[in-house]
Amino acid sequence: MNCKNCNTKLVSDSAFCHKCGAKSIEKRLTLKNLIQHLGETFFNYDNKLLKTIVCLCKAPEEVIDSYVKGVRKRYINPISFFGISLTLTGFSIFIIKKFYKNALDASQLFDTSTMYSNKVSEDIMASSADFSLEYSSLIYASMIPLFALISWILFLNKRYNFTEHLVSYMYSMSLYSITSVTLGLIVLVIAPSYYLKFGMWLYLVVLLYHCFLLKRLFKLSAGELILKTFLFLVILLFVFGGISIIAGIVWAIIMHLNGDLEPIIEAQKAAKGG
C-alpha cells in the first residue's frame, strides 16, 4: 500500500509513513472516526494547539525561544496560530453582527454624561462601532508589526531581531485574540451589557501578560521592566494618536462616499440651531 499523502510505498503494517510522517489510514471515513479525529485534534492534551496555549500561559519564553532557535514540531507555528486567531475573530464578528450588535453601544459606558445623550453623538458612536467591527481583523493584524517594531527599538541591546520580535507578538496577540473571543462569547451569552466593560478590563490583563512575557523572555529586573513598560506605553500613545487621526480621516471619507456623513452633519446643525 502507498501513502495517501506522498505516495511513498509503505512498509507492511506500518502505522505511519516513514517519509512524510502521515498516519496510515485504511478504514473508510465514517461519522464515528471523524468525531474521533476531531477529538484527538482539538481536545487531546497532547495536541499542539492546546499544548501551545497552556505553555504560553505558564512559560511563554519556552514556546517563543523554541521556535526562534529552530524547534518546529513541539508547538504550533506562529503563522498557523495567528491564522486560527483570525478565524475565531471572524466567527466572533459574524456572531456579534448577527445577534449582539447592541452590545457594542458605547453610550452605555457614558450613561451619566450629557455629552453622549443627543442623537448626533449616538449616530457618530454607532458609525464608529460599525467601522471598528468591519475592520477589526485588519486593525488587530496591524497591531502585531507595530508592537514588534516598538519592542525591537526598546530591546536593541537584547538578542532578538525585528523578525523574532514579530514572532513573539504573533504568539502573544494570537493568544489574546483566542482568549478574548472565547470569553467574550460567553459574556455575550450571559450578560451582553457587560461586553464592552469586559473588553476594557481585558486590555489591562493583556498589558500585565506582556510584562510577564518580556520579563521572562529577556530576564528583566523589576526596575528594567517598569522602565521598558513605561517607554513602550509612551511610544504607543504617540503612535496610536497618529493612527487615530488617520483612521478618523479614513472613516469620514468612507462615510462620505457611502452618503452616511451628511445626515449626521445636518442633524448636528439642526441641534445647534435648536
C-alpha atoms as a PDB file:
ATOM      1  CA  MET A   1       0.000   0.000   0.000  1.00  0.00           C
ATOM      2  CA  ASN A   2       1.178   3.548  -0.753  1.00  0.00           C
ATOM      3  CA  CYS A   3       0.932   6.615   1.464  1.00  0.00           C
ATOM      4  CA  LYS A   4      -2.152   8.627   0.530  1.00  0.00           C
ATOM      5  CA  ASN A   5      -0.271  11.891   1.159  1.00  0.00           C
ATOM      6  CA  CYS A   6       3.102  11.481  -0.582  1.00  0.00           C
ATOM      7  CA  ASN A   7       2.525   8.206  -2.487  1.00  0.00           C
ATOM      8  CA  THR A   8       5.567   6.535  -0.892  1.00  0.00           C
ATOM      9  CA  LYS A   9       5.352   2.745  -0.624  1.00  0.00           C
ATOM     10  CA  LEU A  10       4.671   1.809   2.986  1.00  0.00           C
ATOM     11  CA  VAL A  11       6.239  -0.967   4.991  1.00  0.00           C
ATOM     12  CA  SER A  12       3.765  -3.736   5.809  1.00  0.00           C
ATOM     13  CA  ASP A  13       1.573  -2.974   8.864  1.00  0.00           C
ATOM     14  CA  SER A  14       3.197   0.470   9.207  1.00  0.00           C
ATOM     15  CA  ALA A  15       1.073   2.921  11.226  1.00  0.00           C
ATOM     16  CA  PHE A  16       2.866   5.975   9.835  1.00  0.00           C
ATOM     17  CA  CYS A  17       4.637   6.902   6.606  1.00  0.00           C
ATOM     18  CA  HIS A  18       8.427   6.779   7.089  1.00  0.00           C
ATOM     19  CA  LYS A  19       8.875   9.690   4.620  1.00  0.00           C
ATOM     20  CA  CYS A  20       6.252  12.336   5.450  1.00  0.00           C
ATOM     21  CA  GLY A  21       5.127  11.072   8.865  1.00  0.00           C
ATOM     22  CA  ALA A  22       1.430  10.964   7.961  1.00  0.00           C
ATOM     23  CA  LYS A  23      -0.778   8.413   9.680  1.00  0.00           C
ATOM     24  CA  SER A  24      -1.652   5.371   7.604  1.00  0.00           C
ATOM     25  CA  ILE A  25      -5.446   5.243   7.188  1.00  0.00           C
ATOM     26  CA  GLU A  26      -7.105   2.167   5.698  1.00  0.00           C
ATOM     27  CA  LYS A  27     -10.658   2.466   7.019  1.00  0.00           C
ATOM     28  CA  ARG A  28     -13.311   4.383   5.136  1.00  0.00           C
ATOM     29  CA  LEU A  29     -14.353   7.750   6.570  1.00  0.00           C
ATOM     30  CA  THR A  30     -17.365   7.492   8.869  1.00  0.00           C
ATOM     31  CA  LEU A  31     -19.062   9.893  11.264  1.00  0.00           C
ATOM     32  CA  LYS A  32     -17.617   7.974  14.199  1.00  0.00           C
ATOM     33  CA  ASN A  33     -13.960   8.203  13.163  1.00  0.00           C
ATOM     34  CA  LEU A  34     -14.475  11.805  12.008  1.00  0.00           C
ATOM     35  CA  ILE A  35     -15.643  12.765  15.507  1.00  0.00           C
ATOM     36  CA  GLN A  36     -12.774  10.732  16.953  1.00  0.00           C
ATOM     37  CA  HIS A  37     -10.285  12.608  14.746  1.00  0.00           C
ATOM     38  CA  LEU A  38     -11.727  15.991  15.762  1.00  0.00           C
ATOM     39  CA  GLY A  39     -11.500  14.991  19.420  1.00  0.00           C
ATOM     40  CA  GLU A  40      -7.869  13.956  19.035  1.00  0.00           C
ATOM     41  CA  THR A  41      -7.061  17.158  17.174  1.00  0.00           C
ATOM     42  CA  PHE A  42      -8.701  19.741  19.432  1.00  0.00           C
ATOM     43  CA  PHE A  43      -9.329  18.159  22.857  1.00  0.00           C
ATOM     44  CA  ASN A  44      -6.359  15.879  23.372  1.00  0.00           C
ATOM     45  CA  TYR A  45      -3.872  17.380  25.833  1.00  0.00           C
ATOM     46  CA  ASP A  46      -1.002  16.256  23.610  1.00  0.00           C
ATOM     47  CA  ASN A  47      -2.199  18.187  20.572  1.00  0.00           C
ATOM     48  CA  LYS A  48      -0.036  21.143  19.552  1.00  0.00           C
ATOM     49  CA  LEU A  49      -2.748  23.788  19.792  1.00  0.00           C
ATOM     50  CA  LEU A  50      -3.711  23.108  23.391  1.00  0.00           C
ATOM     51  CA  LYS A  51      -0.091  22.463  24.362  1.00  0.00           C
ATOM     52  CA  THR A  52       0.928  25.816  22.857  1.00  0.00           C
ATOM     53  CA  ILE A  53      -1.848  27.719  24.645  1.00  0.00           C
ATOM     54  CA  VAL A  54      -1.057  26.143  28.017  1.00  0.00           C
ATOM     55  CA  CYS A  55       2.677  26.762  27.670  1.00  0.00           C
ATOM     56  CA  LEU A  56       2.170  30.360  26.513  1.00  0.00           C
ATOM     57  CA  CYS A  57       0.250  30.952  29.740  1.00  0.00           C
ATOM     58  CA  LYS A  58       2.776  29.221  32.011  1.00  0.00           C
ATOM     59  CA  ALA A  59       6.162  29.723  30.312  1.00  0.00           C
ATOM     60  CA  PRO A  60       5.801  31.792  27.116  1.00  0.00           C
ATOM     61  CA  GLU A  61       9.556  32.092  26.682  1.00  0.00           C
ATOM     62  CA  GLU A  62       9.762  28.333  26.110  1.00  0.00           C
ATOM     63  CA  VAL A  63       7.389  28.463  23.116  1.00  0.00           C
ATOM     64  CA  ILE A  64       8.964  31.575  21.578  1.00  0.00           C
ATOM     65  CA  ASP A  65      12.573  30.610  22.232  1.00  0.00           C
ATOM     66  CA  SER A  66      11.959  27.123  20.869  1.00  0.00           C
ATOM     67  CA  TYR A  67      10.672  28.493  17.572  1.00  0.00           C
ATOM     68  CA  VAL A  68      13.401  31.136  17.306  1.00  0.00           C
ATOM     69  CA  LYS A  69      16.095  28.501  17.919  1.00  0.00           C
ATOM     70  CA  GLY A  70      14.716  26.189  15.234  1.00  0.00           C
ATOM     71  CA  VAL A  71      12.348  23.837  17.077  1.00  0.00           C
ATOM     72  CA  ARG A  72       9.385  23.454  14.716  1.00  0.00           C
ATOM     73  CA  LYS A  73       7.493  20.325  15.801  1.00  0.00           C
ATOM     74  CA  ARG A  74       6.960  20.818  19.527  1.00  0.00           C
ATOM     75  CA  TYR A  75       4.466  23.704  19.328  1.00  0.00           C
ATOM     76  CA  ILE A  76       2.158  25.105  16.684  1.00  0.00           C
ATOM     77  CA  ASN A  77       3.987  27.629  14.497  1.00  0.00           C
ATOM     78  CA  PRO A  78       3.140  31.346  14.922  1.00  0.00           C
ATOM     79  CA  ILE A  79       1.625  31.736  11.445  1.00  0.00           C
ATOM     80  CA  SER A  80      -0.811  28.854  11.979  1.00  0.00           C
ATOM     81  CA  PHE A  81      -1.590  30.140  15.475  1.00  0.00           C
ATOM     82  CA  PHE A  82      -2.261  33.588  14.047  1.00  0.00           C
ATOM     83  CA  GLY A  83      -4.457  32.044  11.339  1.00  0.00           C
ATOM     84  CA  ILE A  84      -6.547  30.262  13.969  1.00  0.00           C
ATOM     85  CA  SER A  85      -6.970  33.522  15.897  1.00  0.00           C
ATOM     86  CA  LEU A  86      -8.089  35.341  12.737  1.00  0.00           C
ATOM     87  CA  THR A  87     -10.619  32.594  12.001  1.00  0.00           C
ATOM     88  CA  LEU A  88     -12.053  32.832  15.511  1.00  0.00           C
ATOM     89  CA  THR A  89     -12.099  36.628  15.280  1.00  0.00           C
ATOM     90  CA  GLY A  90     -14.072  36.417  12.041  1.00  0.00           C
ATOM     91  CA  PHE A  91     -16.516  33.995  13.648  1.00  0.00           C
ATOM     92  CA  SER A  92     -16.926  36.324  16.629  1.00  0.00           C
ATOM     93  CA  ILE A  93     -17.574  39.314  14.333  1.00  0.00           C
ATOM     94  CA  PHE A  94     -20.259  37.333  12.495  1.00  0.00           C
ATOM     95  CA  ILE A  95     -21.986  36.400  15.785  1.00  0.00           C
ATOM     96  CA  ILE A  96     -21.861  39.985  17.078  1.00  0.00           C
ATOM     97  CA  LYS A  97     -23.169  41.499  13.825  1.00  0.00           C
ATOM     98  CA  LYS A  98     -25.924  38.897  13.609  1.00  0.00           C
ATOM     99  CA  PHE A  99     -27.139  38.706  17.193  1.00  0.00           C
ATOM    100  CA  TYR A 100     -25.387  41.144  19.546  1.00  0.00           C
ATOM    101  CA  LYS A 101     -24.949  44.423  17.675  1.00  0.00           C
ATOM    102  CA  ASN A 102     -26.377  46.404  20.618  1.00  0.00           C
ATOM    103  CA  ALA A 103     -23.571  45.088  22.842  1.00  0.00           C
ATOM    104  CA  LEU A 104     -21.211  47.484  21.038  1.00  0.00           C
ATOM    105  CA  ASP A 105     -23.243  50.542  22.019  1.00  0.00           C
ATOM    106  CA  ALA A 106     -20.597  52.687  23.732  1.00  0.00           C
ATOM    107  CA  SER A 107     -23.205  55.070  25.151  1.00  0.00           C
ATOM    108  CA  GLN A 108     -23.802  52.600  27.975  1.00  0.00           C
ATOM    109  CA  LEU A 109     -20.302  53.433  29.230  1.00  0.00           C
ATOM    110  CA  PHE A 110     -21.218  57.123  29.428  1.00  0.00           C
ATOM    111  CA  ASP A 111     -24.786  56.896  30.656  1.00  0.00           C
ATOM    112  CA  THR A 112     -24.210  59.707  33.187  1.00  0.00           C
ATOM    113  CA  SER A 113     -22.773  62.118  30.636  1.00  0.00           C
ATOM    114  CA  THR A 114     -24.990  64.545  28.718  1.00  0.00           C
ATOM    115  CA  MET A 115     -22.287  64.695  26.049  1.00  0.00           C
ATOM    116  CA  TYR A 116     -23.460  61.356  24.684  1.00  0.00           C
ATOM    117  CA  SER A 117     -27.168  61.807  25.210  1.00  0.00           C
ATOM    118  CA  ASN A 118     -28.072  63.541  21.933  1.00  0.00           C
ATOM    119  CA  LYS A 119     -28.959  61.949  18.612  1.00  0.00           C
ATOM    120  CA  VAL A 120     -25.874  63.230  16.779  1.00  0.00           C
ATOM    121  CA  SER A 121     -23.465  61.696  19.301  1.00  0.00           C
ATOM    122  CA  GLU A 122     -25.372  58.431  19.204  1.00  0.00           C
ATOM    123  CA  ASP A 123     -25.145  58.338  15.392  1.00  0.00           C
ATOM    124  CA  ILE A 124     -21.400  59.052  15.455  1.00  0.00           C
ATOM    125  CA  MET A 125     -20.766  56.334  18.047  1.00  0.00           C
ATOM    126  CA  ALA A 126     -22.892  53.859  16.109  1.00  0.00           C
ATOM    127  CA  SER A 127     -20.988  54.629  12.909  1.00  0.00           C
ATOM    128  CA  SER A 128     -17.649  54.322  14.731  1.00  0.00           C
ATOM    129  CA  ALA A 129     -18.709  50.962  16.168  1.00  0.00           C
ATOM    130  CA  ASP A 130     -19.664  49.747  12.691  1.00  0.00           C
ATOM    131  CA  PHE A 131     -16.305  50.895  11.319  1.00  0.00           C
ATOM    132  CA  SER A 132     -14.377  49.201  14.141  1.00  0.00           C
ATOM    133  CA  LEU A 133     -16.330  45.990  13.704  1.00  0.00           C
ATOM    134  CA  GLU A 134     -15.951  45.959   9.937  1.00  0.00           C
ATOM    135  CA  TYR A 135     -12.183  46.438  10.044  1.00  0.00           C
ATOM    136  CA  SER A 136     -11.401  44.801  13.392  1.00  0.00           C
ATOM    137  CA  SER A 137      -9.368  41.970  11.836  1.00  0.00           C
ATOM    138  CA  LEU A 138      -7.261  44.460   9.883  1.00  0.00           C
ATOM    139  CA  ILE A 139      -6.759  46.625  12.978  1.00  0.00           C
ATOM    140  CA  TYR A 140      -5.801  43.569  15.037  1.00  0.00           C
ATOM    141  CA  ALA A 141      -3.345  42.321  12.389  1.00  0.00           C
ATOM    142  CA  SER A 142      -1.713  45.749  12.044  1.00  0.00           C
ATOM    143  CA  MET A 143      -1.063  45.937  15.792  1.00  0.00           C
ATOM    144  CA  ILE A 144       1.367  42.999  15.675  1.00  0.00           C
ATOM    145  CA  PRO A 145       4.108  44.584  13.488  1.00  0.00           C
ATOM    146  CA  LEU A 146       3.589  47.879  15.335  1.00  0.00           C
ATOM    147  CA  PHE A 147       4.162  46.269  18.747  1.00  0.00           C
ATOM    148  CA  ALA A 148       7.098  44.287  17.342  1.00  0.00           C
ATOM    149  CA  LEU A 149       8.732  47.454  15.999  1.00  0.00           C
ATOM    150  CA  ILE A 150       8.396  49.317  19.288  1.00  0.00           C
ATOM    151  CA  SER A 151       9.650  46.294  21.226  1.00  0.00           C
ATOM    152  CA  TRP A 152      12.608  45.867  18.856  1.00  0.00           C
ATOM    153  CA  ILE A 153      13.591  49.530  19.369  1.00  0.00           C
ATOM    154  CA  LEU A 154      13.350  49.244  23.160  1.00  0.00           C
ATOM    155  CA  PHE A 155      15.312  45.991  23.281  1.00  0.00           C
ATOM    156  CA  LEU A 156      18.045  46.733  20.734  1.00  0.00           C
ATOM    157  CA  ASN A 157      20.636  45.646  23.293  1.00  0.00           C
ATOM    158  CA  LYS A 158      18.980  42.232  23.600  1.00  0.00           C
ATOM    159  CA  ARG A 159      19.378  39.165  21.393  1.00  0.00           C
ATOM    160  CA  TYR A 160      16.189  39.339  19.274  1.00  0.00           C
ATOM    161  CA  ASN A 161      15.965  40.940  15.832  1.00  0.00           C
ATOM    162  CA  PHE A 162      12.775  42.506  14.431  1.00  0.00           C
ATOM    163  CA  THR A 163      11.500  39.256  12.884  1.00  0.00           C
ATOM    164  CA  GLU A 164      11.954  37.426  16.173  1.00  0.00           C
ATOM    165  CA  HIS A 165      10.042  40.174  17.979  1.00  0.00           C
ATOM    166  CA  LEU A 166       7.362  39.757  15.298  1.00  0.00           C
ATOM    167  CA  VAL A 167       7.148  36.048  16.120  1.00  0.00           C
ATOM    168  CA  SER A 168       6.823  36.891  19.832  1.00  0.00           C
ATOM    169  CA  TYR A 169       3.844  39.175  19.261  1.00  0.00           C
ATOM    170  CA  MET A 170       2.220  36.817  16.773  1.00  0.00           C
ATOM    171  CA  TYR A 171       2.144  34.278  19.585  1.00  0.00           C
ATOM    172  CA  SER A 172       1.109  36.685  22.354  1.00  0.00           C
ATOM    173  CA  MET A 173      -1.531  38.610  20.393  1.00  0.00           C
ATOM    174  CA  SER A 174      -2.978  35.405  18.945  1.00  0.00           C
ATOM    175  CA  LEU A 175      -3.306  34.067  22.487  1.00  0.00           C
ATOM    176  CA  TYR A 176      -5.057  37.316  23.453  1.00  0.00           C
ATOM    177  CA  SER A 177      -7.401  37.045  20.457  1.00  0.00           C
ATOM    178  CA  ILE A 178      -8.303  33.409  21.120  1.00  0.00           C
ATOM    179  CA  THR A 179      -8.875  34.126  24.819  1.00  0.00           C
ATOM    180  CA  SER A 180     -10.896  37.300  24.242  1.00  0.00           C
ATOM    181  CA  VAL A 181     -13.103  35.648  21.609  1.00  0.00           C
ATOM    182  CA  THR A 182     -13.767  32.599  23.775  1.00  0.00           C
ATOM    183  CA  LEU A 183     -14.502  34.522  26.976  1.00  0.00           C
ATOM    184  CA  GLY A 184     -16.208  37.341  25.058  1.00  0.00           C
ATOM    185  CA  LEU A 185     -18.754  34.987  23.535  1.00  0.00           C
ATOM    186  CA  ILE A 186     -19.508  33.629  26.998  1.00  0.00           C
ATOM    187  CA  VAL A 187     -20.032  37.193  28.277  1.00  0.00           C
ATOM    188  CA  LEU A 188     -22.300  37.959  25.313  1.00  0.00           C
ATOM    189  CA  VAL A 189     -24.489  34.964  26.093  1.00  0.00           C
ATOM    190  CA  ILE A 190     -24.635  35.556  29.849  1.00  0.00           C
ATOM    191  CA  ALA A 191     -24.535  39.371  30.170  1.00  0.00           C
ATOM    192  CA  PRO A 192     -24.183  41.230  26.836  1.00  0.00           C
ATOM    193  CA  SER A 193     -24.434  44.652  28.513  1.00  0.00           C
ATOM    194  CA  TYR A 194     -21.043  43.980  30.165  1.00  0.00           C
ATOM    195  CA  TYR A 195     -19.275  43.088  26.920  1.00  0.00           C
ATOM    196  CA  LEU A 196     -17.559  46.471  26.414  1.00  0.00           C
ATOM    197  CA  LYS A 197     -16.520  46.677  30.058  1.00  0.00           C
ATOM    198  CA  PHE A 198     -15.131  43.154  29.797  1.00  0.00           C
ATOM    199  CA  GLY A 199     -13.088  44.232  26.767  1.00  0.00           C
ATOM    200  CA  MET A 200     -11.686  47.245  28.621  1.00  0.00           C
ATOM    201  CA  TRP A 201     -10.618  45.128  31.595  1.00  0.00           C
ATOM    202  CA  LEU A 202      -9.048  42.640  29.221  1.00  0.00           C
ATOM    203  CA  TYR A 203      -6.688  45.368  27.969  1.00  0.00           C
ATOM    204  CA  LEU A 204      -5.238  45.571  31.470  1.00  0.00           C
ATOM    205  CA  VAL A 205      -4.821  41.788  31.557  1.00  0.00           C
ATOM    206  CA  VAL A 206      -3.032  41.905  28.185  1.00  0.00           C
ATOM    207  CA  LEU A 207      -0.666  44.590  29.474  1.00  0.00           C
ATOM    208  CA  LEU A 208       0.172  42.531  32.569  1.00  0.00           C
ATOM    209  CA  TYR A 209       0.641  39.404  30.444  1.00  0.00           C
ATOM    210  CA  HIS A 210       3.115  41.159  28.154  1.00  0.00           C
ATOM    211  CA  CYS A 211       5.024  42.401  31.196  1.00  0.00           C
ATOM    212  CA  PHE A 212       5.185  38.786  32.352  1.00  0.00           C
ATOM    213  CA  LEU A 213       6.262  37.631  28.868  1.00  0.00           C
ATOM    214  CA  LEU A 214       9.006  40.232  28.394  1.00  0.00           C
ATOM    215  CA  LYS A 215      10.347  39.744  31.916  1.00  0.00           C
ATOM    216  CA  ARG A 216      10.795  36.022  31.312  1.00  0.00           C
ATOM    217  CA  LEU A 217      11.927  36.348  27.711  1.00  0.00           C
ATOM    218  CA  PHE A 218      14.665  38.928  28.350  1.00  0.00           C
ATOM    219  CA  LYS A 219      15.357  38.172  32.032  1.00  0.00           C
ATOM    220  CA  LEU A 220      14.457  41.725  33.098  1.00  0.00           C
ATOM    221  CA  SER A 221      14.789  43.061  36.611  1.00  0.00           C
ATOM    222  CA  ALA A 222      11.809  44.796  38.208  1.00  0.00           C
ATOM    223  CA  GLY A 223      13.327  48.220  37.500  1.00  0.00           C
ATOM    224  CA  GLU A 224      14.062  47.383  33.853  1.00  0.00           C
ATOM    225  CA  LEU A 225      10.564  46.027  33.392  1.00  0.00           C
ATOM    226  CA  ILE A 226       8.908  49.172  34.787  1.00  0.00           C
ATOM    227  CA  LEU A 227      11.109  51.453  32.655  1.00  0.00           C
ATOM    228  CA  LYS A 228      10.612  49.466  29.452  1.00  0.00           C
ATOM    229  CA  THR A 229       6.856  49.241  30.026  1.00  0.00           C
ATOM    230  CA  PHE A 230       6.608  52.987  30.620  1.00  0.00           C
ATOM    231  CA  LEU A 231       8.609  53.777  27.466  1.00  0.00           C
ATOM    232  CA  PHE A 232       6.563  51.281  25.446  1.00  0.00           C
ATOM    233  CA  LEU A 233       3.286  52.904  26.545  1.00  0.00           C
ATOM    234  CA  VAL A 234       4.573  56.427  25.843  1.00  0.00           C
ATOM    235  CA  ILE A 235       5.682  55.494  22.309  1.00  0.00           C
ATOM    236  CA  LEU A 236       2.462  53.583  21.733  1.00  0.00           C
ATOM    237  CA  LEU A 237       0.406  56.578  22.902  1.00  0.00           C
ATOM    238  CA  PHE A 238       2.035  58.874  20.353  1.00  0.00           C
ATOM    239  CA  VAL A 239       1.762  56.301  17.568  1.00  0.00           C
ATOM    240  CA  PHE A 240      -1.834  55.487  18.470  1.00  0.00           C
ATOM    241  CA  GLY A 241      -2.696  59.191  18.434  1.00  0.00           C
ATOM    242  CA  GLY A 242      -1.379  59.474  14.895  1.00  0.00           C
ATOM    243  CA  ILE A 243      -3.143  56.320  13.798  1.00  0.00           C
ATOM    244  CA  SER A 244      -6.416  57.536  15.366  1.00  0.00           C
ATOM    245  CA  ILE A 245      -6.231  60.755  13.357  1.00  0.00           C
ATOM    246  CA  ILE A 246      -5.594  58.830  10.141  1.00  0.00           C
ATOM    247  CA  ALA A 247      -8.354  56.325  10.979  1.00  0.00           C
ATOM    248  CA  GLY A 248     -10.751  59.217  11.668  1.00  0.00           C
ATOM    249  CA  ILE A 249      -9.992  60.723   8.273  1.00  0.00           C
ATOM    250  CA  VAL A 250     -10.444  57.356   6.540  1.00  0.00           C
ATOM    251  CA  TRP A 251     -13.712  56.806   8.447  1.00  0.00           C
ATOM    252  CA  ALA A 252     -15.006  60.245   7.408  1.00  0.00           C
ATOM    253  CA  ILE A 253     -14.092  59.600   3.765  1.00  0.00           C
ATOM    254  CA  ILE A 254     -15.806  56.201   3.760  1.00  0.00           C
ATOM    255  CA  MET A 255     -18.887  57.668   5.460  1.00  0.00           C
ATOM    256  CA  HIS A 256     -18.965  60.493   2.911  1.00  0.00           C
ATOM    257  CA  LEU A 257     -18.651  58.111  -0.045  1.00  0.00           C
ATOM    258  CA  ASN A 258     -21.455  55.958   1.361  1.00  0.00           C
ATOM    259  CA  GLY A 259     -23.636  59.018   1.915  1.00  0.00           C
ATOM    260  CA  ASP A 260     -23.847  58.402   5.679  1.00  0.00           C
ATOM    261  CA  LEU A 261     -21.988  61.500   6.835  1.00  0.00           C
ATOM    262  CA  GLU A 262     -24.329  64.196   5.503  1.00  0.00           C
ATOM    263  CA  PRO A 263     -27.349  63.211   7.672  1.00  0.00           C
ATOM    264  CA  ILE A 264     -25.163  63.387  10.768  1.00  0.00           C
ATOM    265  CA  ILE A 265     -23.844  66.823   9.807  1.00  0.00           C
ATOM    266  CA  GLU A 266     -27.369  68.094   9.103  1.00  0.00           C
ATOM    267  CA  ALA A 267     -28.607  66.714  12.429  1.00  0.00           C
ATOM    268  CA  GLN A 268     -25.716  68.389  14.212  1.00  0.00           C
ATOM    269  CA  LYS A 269     -26.511  71.737  12.567  1.00  0.00           C
ATOM    270  CA  ALA A 270     -30.183  71.341  13.490  1.00  0.00           C
ATOM    271  CA  ALA A 271     -29.223  70.558  17.083  1.00  0.00           C
ATOM    272  CA  LYS A 272     -27.062  73.688  17.304  1.00  0.00           C
ATOM    273  CA  GLY A 273     -29.780  75.775  15.683  1.00  0.00           C
ATOM    274  CA  GLY A 274     -32.334  74.500  18.154  1.00  0.00           C
END
